[in-house]
Amino acid sequence: MRIRNPWRSENYTGPWCDSDPRWTDSYKEQVDYLDRDDGVFFMDMDTFKDGFESYTVIYSADKLTQSWYYDQNVPAGSYSSYTFTLTEE
């Protein structure tokens, strides 16, 4: 998962952090990877589920159209799956 901290700081050091040796040139190219403290980081799904109890998913188009979902207070040990379909006229 690509995650962005809106306060533009990051101190995540788990799997797929900027310094993780699993980052190959091919992986970096696929996700537009940058090794800098810009608030953007990557995390595997299991680590995400263990580390966050609430989150917001937002899609922003060029004209600032947004689709979003906010999930809060998910019971420990469970998670939900959501599918978003975005279309253009």
C-alpha atoms as a PDB file:
ATOM      1  CA  MET A   1       0.000   0.000   0.000  1.00  0.00           C
ATOM      2  CA  ARG A   2       1.192   3.495  -0.757  1.00  0.00           C
ATOM      3  CA  ILE A   3       0.486   5.730   2.232  1.00  0.00           C
ATOM      4  CA  ARG A   4       0.827   9.488   2.522  1.00  0.00           C
ATOM      5  CA  ASN A   5       1.096  11.339   5.807  1.00  0.00           C
ATOM      6  CA  PRO A   6      -0.594  14.721   5.177  1.00  0.00           C
ATOM      7  CA  TRP A   7       1.848  16.363   7.610  1.00  0.00           C
ATOM      8  CA  ARG A   8       4.692  15.337   5.258  1.00  0.00           C
ATOM      9  CA  SER A   9       6.810  13.462   7.772  1.00  0.00           C
ATOM     10  CA  GLU A  10       7.641   9.790   7.972  1.00  0.00           C
ATOM     11  CA  ASN A  11       9.402   7.609  10.465  1.00  0.00           C
ATOM     12  CA  TYR A  12       8.114   4.204   9.375  1.00  0.00           C
ATOM     13  CA  THR A  13      10.888   1.582   9.528  1.00  0.00           C
ATOM     14  CA  GLY A  14       8.983  -1.664   8.907  1.00  0.00           C
ATOM     15  CA  PRO A  15       8.651  -3.821   5.775  1.00  0.00           C
ATOM     16  CA  TRP A  16       8.894  -1.761   2.545  1.00  0.00           C
ATOM     17  CA  CYS A  17      10.212   1.367   4.276  1.00  0.00           C
ATOM     18  CA  ASP A  18      12.492   3.541   2.122  1.00  0.00           C
ATOM     19  CA  SER A  19      15.619   1.681   3.251  1.00  0.00           C
ATOM     20  CA  ASP A  20      14.194  -1.866   2.907  1.00  0.00           C
ATOM     21  CA  PRO A  21      16.556  -4.041   0.799  1.00  0.00           C
ATOM     22  CA  ARG A  22      13.559  -5.585  -1.033  1.00  0.00           C
ATOM     23  CA  TRP A  23      13.314  -2.441  -3.183  1.00  0.00           C
ATOM     24  CA  THR A  24      14.672  -3.449  -6.586  1.00  0.00           C
ATOM     25  CA  ASP A  25      15.005  -1.034  -9.484  1.00  0.00           C
ATOM     26  CA  SER A  26      11.990  -2.712 -11.082  1.00  0.00           C
ATOM     27  CA  TYR A  27       9.803  -2.256  -7.982  1.00  0.00           C
ATOM     28  CA  LYS A  28      10.910   1.360  -7.600  1.00  0.00           C
ATOM     29  CA  GLU A  29       9.952   2.106 -11.188  1.00  0.00           C
ATOM     30  CA  GLN A  30       6.511   0.511 -10.821  1.00  0.00           C
ATOM     31  CA  VAL A  31       5.477   2.687  -7.862  1.00  0.00           C
ATOM     32  CA  ASP A  32       7.347   5.944  -8.583  1.00  0.00           C
ATOM     33  CA  TYR A  33       9.556   5.374  -5.510  1.00  0.00           C
ATOM     34  CA  LEU A  34      11.541   8.238  -3.951  1.00  0.00           C
ATOM     35  CA  ASP A  35      13.909   7.787  -1.005  1.00  0.00           C
ATOM     36  CA  ARG A  36      13.213  10.986   0.924  1.00  0.00           C
ATOM     37  CA  ASP A  37      11.332  12.214   3.979  1.00  0.00           C
ATOM     38  CA  ASP A  38       8.273  13.396   2.030  1.00  0.00           C
ATOM     39  CA  GLY A  39       5.497  11.700   4.018  1.00  0.00           C
ATOM     40  CA  VAL A  40       4.970   9.005   1.356  1.00  0.00           C
ATOM     41  CA  PHE A  41       5.800   5.427   2.288  1.00  0.00           C
ATOM     42  CA  PHE A  42       4.818   1.866   1.439  1.00  0.00           C
ATOM     43  CA  MET A  43       3.562  -0.881   3.708  1.00  0.00           C
ATOM     44  CA  ASP A  44       2.366  -4.466   3.258  1.00  0.00           C
ATOM     45  CA  MET A  45      -1.295  -5.219   4.055  1.00  0.00           C
ATOM     46  CA  ASP A  46      -0.624  -7.206   7.259  1.00  0.00           C
ATOM     47  CA  THR A  47       1.450  -4.379   8.746  1.00  0.00           C
ATOM     48  CA  PHE A  48      -1.237  -1.871   7.722  1.00  0.00           C
ATOM     49  CA  LYS A  49      -4.003  -3.901   9.413  1.00  0.00           C
ATOM     50  CA  ASP A  50      -1.952  -4.187  12.612  1.00  0.00           C
ATOM     51  CA  GLY A  51      -0.948  -0.519  12.697  1.00  0.00           C
ATOM     52  CA  PHE A  52      -4.093   1.468  11.873  1.00  0.00           C
ATOM     53  CA  GLU A  53      -7.507   1.427  13.494  1.00  0.00           C
ATOM     54  CA  SER A  54      -8.919   4.184  11.264  1.00  0.00           C
ATOM     55  CA  TYR A  55      -8.117   5.495   7.813  1.00  0.00           C
ATOM     56  CA  THR A  56      -9.428   7.605   4.935  1.00  0.00           C
ATOM     57  CA  VAL A  57      -9.254   6.671   1.266  1.00  0.00           C
ATOM     58  CA  ILE A  58      -9.461   9.582  -1.176  1.00  0.00           C
ATOM     59  CA  TYR A  59      -9.318   9.818  -4.945  1.00  0.00           C
ATOM     60  CA  SER A  60      -8.760  13.284  -6.394  1.00  0.00           C
ATOM     61  CA  ALA A  61      -9.163  13.980 -10.106  1.00  0.00           C
ATOM     62  CA  ASP A  62      -7.831  17.002 -11.981  1.00  0.00           C
ATOM     63  CA  LYS A  63     -10.996  18.996 -11.287  1.00  0.00           C
ATOM     64  CA  LEU A  64     -10.887  18.180  -7.556  1.00  0.00           C
ATOM     65  CA  THR A  65     -13.692  15.611  -7.717  1.00  0.00           C
ATOM     66  CA  GLN A  66     -13.340  13.257  -4.770  1.00  0.00           C
ATOM     67  CA  SER A  67     -14.561   9.817  -3.786  1.00  0.00           C
ATOM     68  CA  TRP A  68     -13.694   8.809  -0.248  1.00  0.00           C
ATOM     69  CA  TYR A  69     -14.369   6.354   2.532  1.00  0.00           C
ATOM     70  CA  TYR A  70     -13.519   6.690   6.221  1.00  0.00           C
ATOM     71  CA  ASP A  71     -13.353   3.652   8.522  1.00  0.00           C
ATOM     72  CA  GLN A  72     -13.027   3.978  12.285  1.00  0.00           C
ATOM     73  CA  ASN A  73     -12.982   1.656  15.287  1.00  0.00           C
ATOM     74  CA  VAL A  74     -12.523  -1.591  13.408  1.00  0.00           C
ATOM     75  CA  PRO A  75     -12.572  -4.499  15.911  1.00  0.00           C
ATOM     76  CA  ALA A  76      -9.115  -5.873  16.740  1.00  0.00           C
ATOM     77  CA  GLY A  77      -8.014  -8.691  14.447  1.00  0.00           C
ATOM     78  CA  SER A  78     -10.491  -7.906  11.677  1.00  0.00           C
ATOM     79  CA  TYR A  79     -10.507  -5.803   8.557  1.00  0.00           C
ATOM     80  CA  SER A  80     -12.814  -4.945   5.695  1.00  0.00           C
ATOM     81  CA  SER A  81     -12.316  -4.954   1.957  1.00  0.00           C
ATOM     82  CA  TYR A  82     -13.704  -2.188  -0.256  1.00  0.00           C
ATOM     83  CA  THR A  83     -13.777  -1.874  -4.022  1.00  0.00           C
ATOM     84  CA  PHE A  84     -13.928   1.514  -5.716  1.00  0.00           C
ATOM     85  CA  THR A  85     -14.862   1.963  -9.348  1.00  0.00           C
ATOM     86  CA  LEU A  86     -13.935   5.357 -10.799  1.00  0.00           C
ATOM     87  CA  THR A  87     -15.219   6.349 -14.199  1.00  0.00           C
ATOM     88  CA  GLU A  88     -14.730   9.296 -16.512  1.00  0.00           C
ATOM     89  CA  GLU A  89     -17.318  10.740 -18.870  1.00  0.00           C
END
